């Protein structure tokens, strides 16, 4: 994924470049909350130090890419439906990052109670986040003693469509 600063976005958005490569545009002020944590893949901060609202929003935008909403959406997909699918993916990722569902719900604290033309109501977004979180918890139960996860053997997920286009990658 290509991550690029952009002052003209409120927080962050998923998009693609001219070659259909996945891009996330972010407002630098928004991402400073995560950058302040100064962590890398090998040095994650303790759970209490993470800004779960910001991480959930980033996970939501990753969900748009992971579900191929920008390059190959399902023919009957609606904008609201794709937003809920991205929210569900964010819930799944929130769990895998070690967050709590209530922490992730803070990402939607300013979302409209009634929704809009493009975005569903806050309650539906909370429900989608919870579905993804619950799905991840069933597949990867946490080890209570050490906090790690113990994957549960499940049937493989076979996608009903191609979920990512690999063309134009070098």
N, C-alpha and C. Protein backbone atom coordinates (compact mmCIF):
# COMPACT_ATOMS: atom_id res chain seq x y z
N UNK A 1 0.84 -1.19 0.00
CA UNK A 1 0.00 0.00 0.00
C UNK A 1 0.88 1.24 0.00
N UNK A 2 0.42 2.25 -0.69
CA UNK A 2 1.12 3.52 -0.73
C UNK A 2 0.37 4.45 0.22
N UNK A 3 1.09 5.03 1.16
CA UNK A 3 0.48 5.94 2.13
C UNK A 3 1.08 7.32 1.91
N UNK A 4 0.21 8.32 1.65
CA UNK A 4 0.67 9.65 1.27
C UNK A 4 -0.07 10.72 2.07
N UNK A 5 0.67 11.72 2.56
CA UNK A 5 0.05 12.84 3.26
C UNK A 5 -0.70 13.74 2.29
N UNK A 6 -1.85 14.25 2.74
CA UNK A 6 -2.68 15.11 1.90
C UNK A 6 -3.50 16.03 2.80
N UNK A 7 -3.21 17.33 2.75
CA UNK A 7 -3.89 18.30 3.62
C UNK A 7 -5.38 18.41 3.33
N UNK A 8 -5.81 18.05 2.13
CA UNK A 8 -7.20 18.29 1.75
C UNK A 8 -8.18 17.21 2.21
N UNK A 9 -7.70 16.15 2.87
CA UNK A 9 -8.62 15.14 3.41
C UNK A 9 -8.79 15.39 4.91
N UNK A 10 -9.97 15.05 5.41
CA UNK A 10 -10.26 15.28 6.83
C UNK A 10 -9.42 14.38 7.73
N UNK A 11 -9.46 13.07 7.48
CA UNK A 11 -8.64 12.15 8.25
C UNK A 11 -7.86 11.25 7.30
N UNK A 12 -8.53 10.27 6.68
CA UNK A 12 -7.87 9.48 5.65
C UNK A 12 -8.90 8.85 4.73
N UNK A 13 -8.49 8.55 3.50
CA UNK A 13 -9.37 7.91 2.53
C UNK A 13 -8.58 6.89 1.73
N UNK A 14 -9.28 5.86 1.27
CA UNK A 14 -8.69 4.87 0.38
C UNK A 14 -8.95 5.28 -1.05
N UNK A 15 -7.95 5.11 -1.89
CA UNK A 15 -8.09 5.42 -3.31
C UNK A 15 -7.10 4.56 -4.08
N UNK A 16 -7.01 4.76 -5.37
CA UNK A 16 -6.01 4.08 -6.19
C UNK A 16 -5.31 5.12 -7.05
N UNK A 17 -4.07 4.80 -7.45
CA UNK A 17 -3.36 5.73 -8.33
C UNK A 17 -3.68 5.39 -9.79
N UNK A 18 -2.99 6.03 -10.72
CA UNK A 18 -3.26 5.83 -12.16
C UNK A 18 -3.05 4.39 -12.60
N UNK A 19 -2.23 3.66 -11.88
CA UNK A 19 -1.96 2.25 -12.21
C UNK A 19 -2.80 1.29 -11.40
N UNK A 20 -3.81 1.80 -10.72
CA UNK A 20 -4.70 1.00 -9.86
C UNK A 20 -3.99 0.40 -8.65
N UNK A 21 -2.90 1.02 -8.21
CA UNK A 21 -2.24 0.56 -6.98
C UNK A 21 -2.98 1.17 -5.79
N UNK A 22 -3.12 0.41 -4.70
CA UNK A 22 -3.85 0.91 -3.53
C UNK A 22 -3.10 2.04 -2.83
N UNK A 23 -3.83 3.11 -2.55
CA UNK A 23 -3.27 4.29 -1.90
C UNK A 23 -4.16 4.67 -0.73
N UNK A 24 -3.56 5.11 0.35
CA UNK A 24 -4.30 5.72 1.45
C UNK A 24 -3.77 7.13 1.60
N UNK A 25 -4.65 8.12 1.41
CA UNK A 25 -4.31 9.52 1.63
C UNK A 25 -4.68 9.86 3.05
N UNK A 26 -3.80 10.56 3.76
CA UNK A 26 -4.08 10.91 5.15
C UNK A 26 -3.74 12.36 5.40
N UNK A 27 -4.47 12.96 6.31
CA UNK A 27 -4.14 14.30 6.78
C UNK A 27 -3.02 14.14 7.81
N UNK A 28 -1.90 14.83 7.65
CA UNK A 28 -0.77 14.65 8.58
C UNK A 28 -1.15 14.90 10.04
N UNK A 29 -2.05 15.84 10.30
CA UNK A 29 -2.47 16.09 11.68
C UNK A 29 -3.19 14.87 12.25
N UNK A 30 -3.95 14.19 11.42
CA UNK A 30 -4.67 12.98 11.84
C UNK A 30 -3.68 11.87 12.16
N UNK A 31 -2.72 11.65 11.29
CA UNK A 31 -1.79 10.55 11.47
C UNK A 31 -0.75 10.81 12.55
N UNK A 32 -0.56 12.07 12.94
CA UNK A 32 0.40 12.37 14.01
C UNK A 32 0.06 11.61 15.28
N UNK A 33 -1.23 11.35 15.51
CA UNK A 33 -1.62 10.61 16.72
C UNK A 33 -1.03 9.22 16.71
N UNK A 34 -0.91 8.60 15.53
CA UNK A 34 -0.30 7.28 15.44
C UNK A 34 1.22 7.39 15.39
N UNK A 35 1.73 8.35 14.62
CA UNK A 35 3.18 8.52 14.50
C UNK A 35 3.82 8.84 15.85
N UNK A 36 3.09 9.55 16.72
CA UNK A 36 3.59 9.88 18.05
C UNK A 36 3.95 8.63 18.83
N UNK A 37 3.29 7.53 18.51
CA UNK A 37 3.53 6.30 19.25
C UNK A 37 4.90 5.71 18.95
N UNK A 38 5.50 6.11 17.85
CA UNK A 38 6.84 5.68 17.46
C UNK A 38 7.03 4.17 17.60
N UNK A 39 6.25 3.42 16.82
CA UNK A 39 6.44 1.98 16.85
C UNK A 39 6.67 1.46 15.44
N UNK A 40 7.31 0.31 15.37
CA UNK A 40 7.54 -0.37 14.11
C UNK A 40 6.96 -1.76 14.25
N UNK A 41 7.05 -2.55 13.19
CA UNK A 41 6.50 -3.91 13.22
C UNK A 41 7.11 -4.74 14.35
N UNK A 42 8.38 -4.51 14.65
CA UNK A 42 9.05 -5.32 15.65
C UNK A 42 8.97 -4.73 17.05
N UNK A 43 8.41 -3.54 17.18
CA UNK A 43 8.40 -2.87 18.48
C UNK A 43 7.03 -2.20 18.72
N UNK A 44 5.99 -3.01 18.83
CA UNK A 44 4.66 -2.46 19.04
C UNK A 44 4.51 -1.93 20.46
N UNK A 45 3.80 -0.82 20.64
CA UNK A 45 3.61 -0.29 21.99
C UNK A 45 2.63 -1.15 22.78
N UNK A 46 2.62 -0.94 24.08
CA UNK A 46 1.64 -1.66 24.88
C UNK A 46 0.25 -1.16 24.49
N UNK A 47 -0.74 -2.00 24.70
CA UNK A 47 -2.09 -1.72 24.21
C UNK A 47 -2.63 -0.38 24.70
N UNK A 48 -2.38 -0.02 25.93
CA UNK A 48 -2.92 1.22 26.47
C UNK A 48 -2.42 2.48 25.78
N UNK A 49 -1.28 2.39 25.09
CA UNK A 49 -0.69 3.57 24.45
C UNK A 49 -1.23 3.83 23.05
N UNK A 50 -1.97 2.91 22.49
CA UNK A 50 -2.45 3.06 21.12
C UNK A 50 -3.68 3.96 21.06
N UNK A 51 -3.78 4.71 20.00
CA UNK A 51 -4.98 5.52 19.74
C UNK A 51 -5.89 4.65 18.88
N UNK A 52 -6.81 3.95 19.54
CA UNK A 52 -7.65 2.98 18.86
C UNK A 52 -8.62 3.62 17.87
N UNK A 53 -9.03 4.82 18.12
CA UNK A 53 -9.92 5.51 17.19
C UNK A 53 -9.21 5.71 15.85
N UNK A 54 -8.00 6.23 15.89
CA UNK A 54 -7.22 6.46 14.68
C UNK A 54 -6.90 5.14 13.98
N UNK A 55 -6.48 4.14 14.74
CA UNK A 55 -6.15 2.85 14.14
C UNK A 55 -7.37 2.19 13.52
N UNK A 56 -8.55 2.37 14.11
CA UNK A 56 -9.78 1.80 13.55
C UNK A 56 -10.13 2.48 12.23
N UNK A 57 -9.96 3.79 12.16
CA UNK A 57 -10.23 4.50 10.91
C UNK A 57 -9.26 4.04 9.83
N UNK A 58 -7.99 3.90 10.16
CA UNK A 58 -7.02 3.39 9.19
C UNK A 58 -7.38 1.97 8.76
N UNK A 59 -7.80 1.14 9.71
CA UNK A 59 -8.21 -0.23 9.38
C UNK A 59 -9.44 -0.23 8.47
N UNK A 60 -10.35 0.72 8.67
CA UNK A 60 -11.53 0.85 7.81
C UNK A 60 -11.09 1.15 6.37
N UNK A 61 -10.16 2.06 6.20
CA UNK A 61 -9.68 2.40 4.85
C UNK A 61 -8.94 1.21 4.23
N UNK A 62 -8.18 0.48 5.03
CA UNK A 62 -7.54 -0.75 4.54
C UNK A 62 -8.62 -1.73 4.10
N UNK A 63 -9.74 -1.76 4.83
CA UNK A 63 -10.85 -2.64 4.48
C UNK A 63 -11.40 -2.36 3.10
N UNK A 64 -11.44 -1.09 2.70
CA UNK A 64 -11.89 -0.77 1.34
C UNK A 64 -10.96 -1.43 0.32
N UNK A 65 -9.66 -1.39 0.57
CA UNK A 65 -8.71 -2.03 -0.36
C UNK A 65 -8.83 -3.55 -0.29
N UNK A 66 -8.88 -4.09 0.91
CA UNK A 66 -8.92 -5.54 1.07
C UNK A 66 -10.18 -6.14 0.45
N UNK A 67 -11.27 -5.40 0.46
CA UNK A 67 -12.53 -5.87 -0.12
C UNK A 67 -12.71 -5.44 -1.56
N UNK A 68 -11.68 -4.81 -2.11
CA UNK A 68 -11.64 -4.43 -3.51
C UNK A 68 -12.77 -3.48 -3.92
N UNK A 69 -13.14 -2.59 -3.04
CA UNK A 69 -14.23 -1.65 -3.32
C UNK A 69 -13.88 -0.64 -4.41
N UNK A 70 -12.61 -0.37 -4.60
CA UNK A 70 -12.22 0.68 -5.53
C UNK A 70 -11.95 0.18 -6.94
N UNK A 71 -11.47 -1.04 -7.07
CA UNK A 71 -11.09 -1.53 -8.39
C UNK A 71 -12.02 -2.61 -8.94
N UNK A 72 -12.77 -3.30 -8.08
CA UNK A 72 -13.62 -4.38 -8.55
C UNK A 72 -14.79 -4.61 -7.60
N UNK A 73 -15.63 -3.60 -7.36
CA UNK A 73 -16.76 -3.81 -6.44
C UNK A 73 -17.77 -4.78 -7.04
N UNK A 74 -18.51 -5.44 -6.19
CA UNK A 74 -19.57 -6.33 -6.67
C UNK A 74 -20.59 -5.51 -7.45
N UNK A 75 -21.20 -6.09 -8.47
CA UNK A 75 -22.13 -5.33 -9.32
C UNK A 75 -23.29 -4.69 -8.57
N UNK A 76 -23.79 -5.35 -7.54
CA UNK A 76 -24.93 -4.80 -6.81
C UNK A 76 -24.52 -4.07 -5.52
N UNK A 77 -23.24 -3.79 -5.38
CA UNK A 77 -22.75 -3.13 -4.17
C UNK A 77 -23.24 -1.68 -4.11
N UNK A 78 -23.66 -1.27 -2.92
CA UNK A 78 -24.04 0.12 -2.68
C UNK A 78 -22.93 0.78 -1.88
N UNK A 79 -22.89 2.08 -1.91
CA UNK A 79 -21.87 2.81 -1.15
C UNK A 79 -22.03 2.51 0.34
N UNK A 80 -23.26 2.53 0.84
CA UNK A 80 -23.48 2.22 2.26
C UNK A 80 -23.06 0.79 2.59
N UNK A 81 -23.35 -0.14 1.69
CA UNK A 81 -22.96 -1.53 1.91
C UNK A 81 -21.45 -1.69 1.96
N UNK A 82 -20.75 -0.97 1.08
CA UNK A 82 -19.29 -1.05 1.09
C UNK A 82 -18.72 -0.43 2.36
N UNK A 83 -19.35 0.64 2.85
CA UNK A 83 -18.88 1.25 4.10
C UNK A 83 -19.04 0.25 5.25
N UNK A 84 -20.17 -0.46 5.29
CA UNK A 84 -20.38 -1.45 6.35
C UNK A 84 -19.39 -2.61 6.23
N UNK A 85 -19.08 -3.02 4.99
CA UNK A 85 -18.11 -4.09 4.80
C UNK A 85 -16.73 -3.65 5.28
N UNK A 86 -16.36 -2.41 5.01
CA UNK A 86 -15.08 -1.88 5.49
C UNK A 86 -15.07 -1.78 7.02
N UNK A 87 -16.22 -1.42 7.61
CA UNK A 87 -16.32 -1.37 9.07
C UNK A 87 -16.14 -2.76 9.67
N UNK A 88 -16.74 -3.76 9.02
CA UNK A 88 -16.60 -5.14 9.51
C UNK A 88 -15.14 -5.59 9.44
N UNK A 89 -14.47 -5.26 8.36
CA UNK A 89 -13.05 -5.58 8.23
C UNK A 89 -12.25 -4.86 9.31
N UNK A 90 -12.60 -3.61 9.59
CA UNK A 90 -11.91 -2.85 10.64
C UNK A 90 -12.08 -3.54 11.99
N UNK A 91 -13.27 -4.05 12.27
CA UNK A 91 -13.49 -4.78 13.52
C UNK A 91 -12.61 -6.01 13.62
N UNK A 92 -12.48 -6.73 12.52
CA UNK A 92 -11.63 -7.92 12.48
C UNK A 92 -10.18 -7.52 12.78
N UNK A 93 -9.71 -6.47 12.11
CA UNK A 93 -8.33 -6.01 12.30
C UNK A 93 -8.12 -5.44 13.70
N UNK A 94 -9.11 -4.75 14.23
CA UNK A 94 -9.03 -4.20 15.59
C UNK A 94 -8.75 -5.32 16.59
N UNK A 95 -9.49 -6.41 16.46
CA UNK A 95 -9.27 -7.55 17.36
C UNK A 95 -7.85 -8.08 17.19
N UNK A 96 -7.41 -8.27 15.93
CA UNK A 96 -6.08 -8.82 15.70
C UNK A 96 -4.98 -7.92 16.24
N UNK A 97 -5.22 -6.59 16.28
CA UNK A 97 -4.22 -5.66 16.81
C UNK A 97 -4.22 -5.64 18.34
N UNK A 98 -5.20 -6.30 18.96
CA UNK A 98 -5.24 -6.35 20.41
C UNK A 98 -6.17 -5.35 21.06
N UNK A 99 -6.99 -4.67 20.26
CA UNK A 99 -7.90 -3.66 20.80
C UNK A 99 -9.18 -4.26 21.35
N UNK A 100 -9.93 -3.42 22.02
CA UNK A 100 -11.24 -3.79 22.55
C UNK A 100 -12.31 -3.15 21.67
N UNK A 101 -13.44 -3.81 21.56
CA UNK A 101 -14.52 -3.32 20.70
C UNK A 101 -14.95 -1.91 21.08
N UNK A 102 -15.10 -1.63 22.35
CA UNK A 102 -15.54 -0.30 22.78
C UNK A 102 -14.54 0.78 22.38
N UNK A 103 -13.25 0.43 22.37
CA UNK A 103 -12.23 1.39 21.93
C UNK A 103 -12.39 1.70 20.44
N UNK A 104 -12.69 0.68 19.66
CA UNK A 104 -12.87 0.87 18.23
C UNK A 104 -14.10 1.68 17.89
N UNK A 105 -15.16 1.54 18.69
CA UNK A 105 -16.39 2.28 18.44
C UNK A 105 -16.18 3.79 18.55
N UNK A 106 -15.13 4.20 19.25
CA UNK A 106 -14.85 5.64 19.37
C UNK A 106 -14.55 6.28 18.02
N UNK A 107 -14.16 5.47 17.04
CA UNK A 107 -13.88 6.00 15.70
C UNK A 107 -15.14 6.59 15.07
N UNK A 108 -16.31 6.16 15.53
CA UNK A 108 -17.58 6.60 14.94
C UNK A 108 -18.33 7.59 15.83
N UNK A 109 -17.66 8.14 16.81
CA UNK A 109 -18.35 9.03 17.75
C UNK A 109 -18.94 10.27 17.07
N UNK A 110 -18.36 10.68 15.95
CA UNK A 110 -18.89 11.85 15.25
C UNK A 110 -19.73 11.45 14.03
N UNK A 111 -19.93 10.16 13.82
CA UNK A 111 -20.77 9.71 12.71
C UNK A 111 -22.23 10.06 12.99
N UNK A 112 -22.96 10.33 11.94
CA UNK A 112 -24.36 10.72 12.06
C UNK A 112 -25.21 9.60 12.62
N UNK A 113 -26.14 9.96 13.49
CA UNK A 113 -27.08 8.97 14.05
C UNK A 113 -27.98 8.41 12.95
N UNK A 114 -28.29 9.23 11.96
CA UNK A 114 -29.22 8.82 10.90
C UNK A 114 -28.51 8.41 9.61
N UNK A 115 -27.21 8.66 9.52
CA UNK A 115 -26.46 8.32 8.32
C UNK A 115 -26.58 9.41 7.27
N UNK A 116 -26.09 9.10 6.10
CA UNK A 116 -26.14 10.04 4.98
C UNK A 116 -26.35 9.25 3.70
N UNK A 117 -26.30 9.94 2.60
CA UNK A 117 -26.45 9.27 1.30
C UNK A 117 -25.37 8.21 1.12
N UNK A 118 -24.17 8.48 1.59
CA UNK A 118 -23.05 7.57 1.38
C UNK A 118 -22.70 6.70 2.59
N UNK A 119 -23.08 7.13 3.78
CA UNK A 119 -22.67 6.40 4.99
C UNK A 119 -23.88 5.99 5.82
N UNK A 120 -23.85 4.77 6.36
CA UNK A 120 -24.96 4.28 7.18
C UNK A 120 -24.99 4.94 8.55
N UNK A 121 -26.11 4.79 9.27
CA UNK A 121 -26.21 5.35 10.63
C UNK A 121 -25.16 4.74 11.57
N UNK A 122 -24.82 5.49 12.60
CA UNK A 122 -23.79 5.08 13.57
C UNK A 122 -24.07 3.70 14.15
N UNK A 123 -25.32 3.41 14.50
CA UNK A 123 -25.63 2.11 15.11
C UNK A 123 -25.31 0.95 14.16
N UNK A 124 -25.58 1.11 12.87
CA UNK A 124 -25.26 0.06 11.90
C UNK A 124 -23.74 -0.11 11.77
N UNK A 125 -23.03 0.99 11.87
CA UNK A 125 -21.57 0.92 11.78
C UNK A 125 -21.00 0.19 13.00
N UNK A 126 -21.57 0.48 14.17
CA UNK A 126 -21.15 -0.24 15.38
C UNK A 126 -21.43 -1.73 15.24
N UNK A 127 -22.59 -2.08 14.69
CA UNK A 127 -22.95 -3.50 14.50
C UNK A 127 -21.97 -4.19 13.56
N UNK A 128 -21.61 -3.52 12.47
CA UNK A 128 -20.66 -4.11 11.51
C UNK A 128 -19.29 -4.30 12.14
N UNK A 129 -18.84 -3.30 12.89
CA UNK A 129 -17.56 -3.40 13.60
C UNK A 129 -17.60 -4.60 14.54
N UNK A 130 -18.70 -4.76 15.26
CA UNK A 130 -18.85 -5.88 16.21
C UNK A 130 -18.86 -7.23 15.49
N UNK A 131 -19.49 -7.31 14.32
CA UNK A 131 -19.50 -8.57 13.56
C UNK A 131 -18.07 -8.99 13.20
N UNK A 132 -17.29 -8.04 12.70
CA UNK A 132 -15.91 -8.36 12.34
C UNK A 132 -15.08 -8.74 13.55
N UNK A 133 -15.28 -8.01 14.64
CA UNK A 133 -14.55 -8.27 15.88
C UNK A 133 -14.87 -9.67 16.40
N UNK A 134 -16.16 -10.02 16.40
CA UNK A 134 -16.61 -11.33 16.89
C UNK A 134 -16.08 -12.45 16.00
N UNK A 135 -16.09 -12.23 14.69
CA UNK A 135 -15.57 -13.23 13.76
C UNK A 135 -14.09 -13.50 14.05
N UNK A 136 -13.31 -12.44 14.23
CA UNK A 136 -11.88 -12.61 14.53
C UNK A 136 -11.69 -13.32 15.87
N UNK A 137 -12.52 -12.96 16.86
CA UNK A 137 -12.39 -13.59 18.18
C UNK A 137 -12.69 -15.08 18.12
N UNK A 138 -13.62 -15.49 17.26
CA UNK A 138 -13.92 -16.93 17.11
C UNK A 138 -12.77 -17.65 16.43
N UNK A 139 -12.17 -17.00 15.44
CA UNK A 139 -11.09 -17.65 14.68
C UNK A 139 -9.76 -17.63 15.42
N UNK A 140 -9.53 -16.59 16.22
CA UNK A 140 -8.24 -16.43 16.90
C UNK A 140 -8.46 -16.08 18.37
N UNK A 141 -8.95 -17.03 19.17
CA UNK A 141 -9.19 -16.72 20.58
C UNK A 141 -7.90 -16.31 21.29
N UNK A 142 -8.03 -15.34 22.17
CA UNK A 142 -6.86 -14.85 22.91
C UNK A 142 -6.53 -15.79 24.05
N UNK A 143 -5.25 -15.97 24.26
CA UNK A 143 -4.75 -16.75 25.38
C UNK A 143 -4.80 -15.83 26.60
N UNK A 144 -5.66 -16.12 27.54
CA UNK A 144 -5.87 -15.23 28.68
C UNK A 144 -4.60 -15.00 29.49
N UNK A 145 -3.78 -16.01 29.65
CA UNK A 145 -2.58 -15.86 30.47
C UNK A 145 -1.56 -14.91 29.85
N UNK A 146 -1.22 -15.16 28.59
CA UNK A 146 -0.18 -14.37 27.96
C UNK A 146 -0.70 -13.26 27.05
N UNK A 147 -2.00 -13.25 26.79
CA UNK A 147 -2.55 -12.23 25.91
C UNK A 147 -2.39 -12.54 24.44
N UNK A 148 -1.66 -13.62 24.12
CA UNK A 148 -1.49 -13.99 22.72
C UNK A 148 -2.75 -14.63 22.17
N UNK A 149 -2.67 -15.10 20.94
CA UNK A 149 -3.83 -15.72 20.31
C UNK A 149 -3.54 -17.16 19.98
N UNK A 150 -4.58 -17.98 20.07
CA UNK A 150 -4.51 -19.38 19.71
C UNK A 150 -5.46 -19.61 18.54
N UNK A 151 -4.94 -19.69 17.31
CA UNK A 151 -5.83 -19.88 16.17
C UNK A 151 -6.66 -21.15 16.29
N UNK A 152 -7.90 -21.07 15.86
CA UNK A 152 -8.80 -22.21 15.85
C UNK A 152 -8.85 -22.73 14.44
N UNK A 153 -8.74 -24.06 14.27
CA UNK A 153 -8.81 -24.62 12.92
C UNK A 153 -10.21 -24.42 12.37
N UNK A 154 -10.28 -23.75 11.23
CA UNK A 154 -11.56 -23.50 10.57
C UNK A 154 -11.44 -23.91 9.11
N UNK A 155 -12.56 -24.06 8.46
CA UNK A 155 -12.54 -24.34 7.04
C UNK A 155 -11.97 -23.13 6.32
N UNK A 156 -11.21 -23.37 5.25
CA UNK A 156 -10.64 -22.23 4.53
C UNK A 156 -11.75 -21.37 3.92
N UNK A 157 -11.48 -20.09 3.85
CA UNK A 157 -12.41 -19.16 3.23
C UNK A 157 -12.07 -19.11 1.75
N UNK A 158 -13.02 -19.44 0.91
CA UNK A 158 -12.82 -19.40 -0.53
C UNK A 158 -13.58 -18.20 -1.06
N UNK A 159 -12.87 -17.18 -1.53
CA UNK A 159 -13.56 -15.98 -1.99
C UNK A 159 -14.45 -16.27 -3.19
N UNK A 160 -15.58 -15.57 -3.25
CA UNK A 160 -16.50 -15.75 -4.35
C UNK A 160 -16.10 -14.91 -5.56
N UNK A 161 -15.08 -14.08 -5.39
CA UNK A 161 -14.61 -13.24 -6.49
C UNK A 161 -13.16 -12.90 -6.23
N UNK A 162 -12.49 -12.41 -7.25
CA UNK A 162 -11.11 -11.95 -7.08
C UNK A 162 -11.16 -10.71 -6.20
N UNK A 163 -10.39 -10.68 -5.14
CA UNK A 163 -10.46 -9.55 -4.21
C UNK A 163 -9.31 -8.58 -4.35
N UNK A 164 -8.37 -8.86 -5.23
CA UNK A 164 -7.28 -7.90 -5.40
C UNK A 164 -6.67 -8.10 -6.78
N UNK A 165 -6.44 -7.04 -7.47
CA UNK A 165 -5.82 -7.11 -8.78
C UNK A 165 -4.32 -6.92 -8.63
N UNK A 166 -3.52 -7.88 -9.08
CA UNK A 166 -2.07 -7.81 -8.94
C UNK A 166 -1.38 -7.24 -10.16
N UNK A 167 -2.12 -6.85 -11.17
CA UNK A 167 -1.49 -6.33 -12.38
C UNK A 167 -0.76 -5.02 -12.09
N UNK A 168 0.16 -4.70 -12.93
CA UNK A 168 0.92 -3.45 -12.87
C UNK A 168 1.85 -3.34 -11.67
N UNK A 169 2.08 -4.43 -10.96
CA UNK A 169 3.02 -4.39 -9.84
C UNK A 169 4.39 -4.83 -10.33
N UNK A 170 5.40 -4.14 -9.91
CA UNK A 170 6.77 -4.51 -10.27
C UNK A 170 7.60 -4.59 -9.04
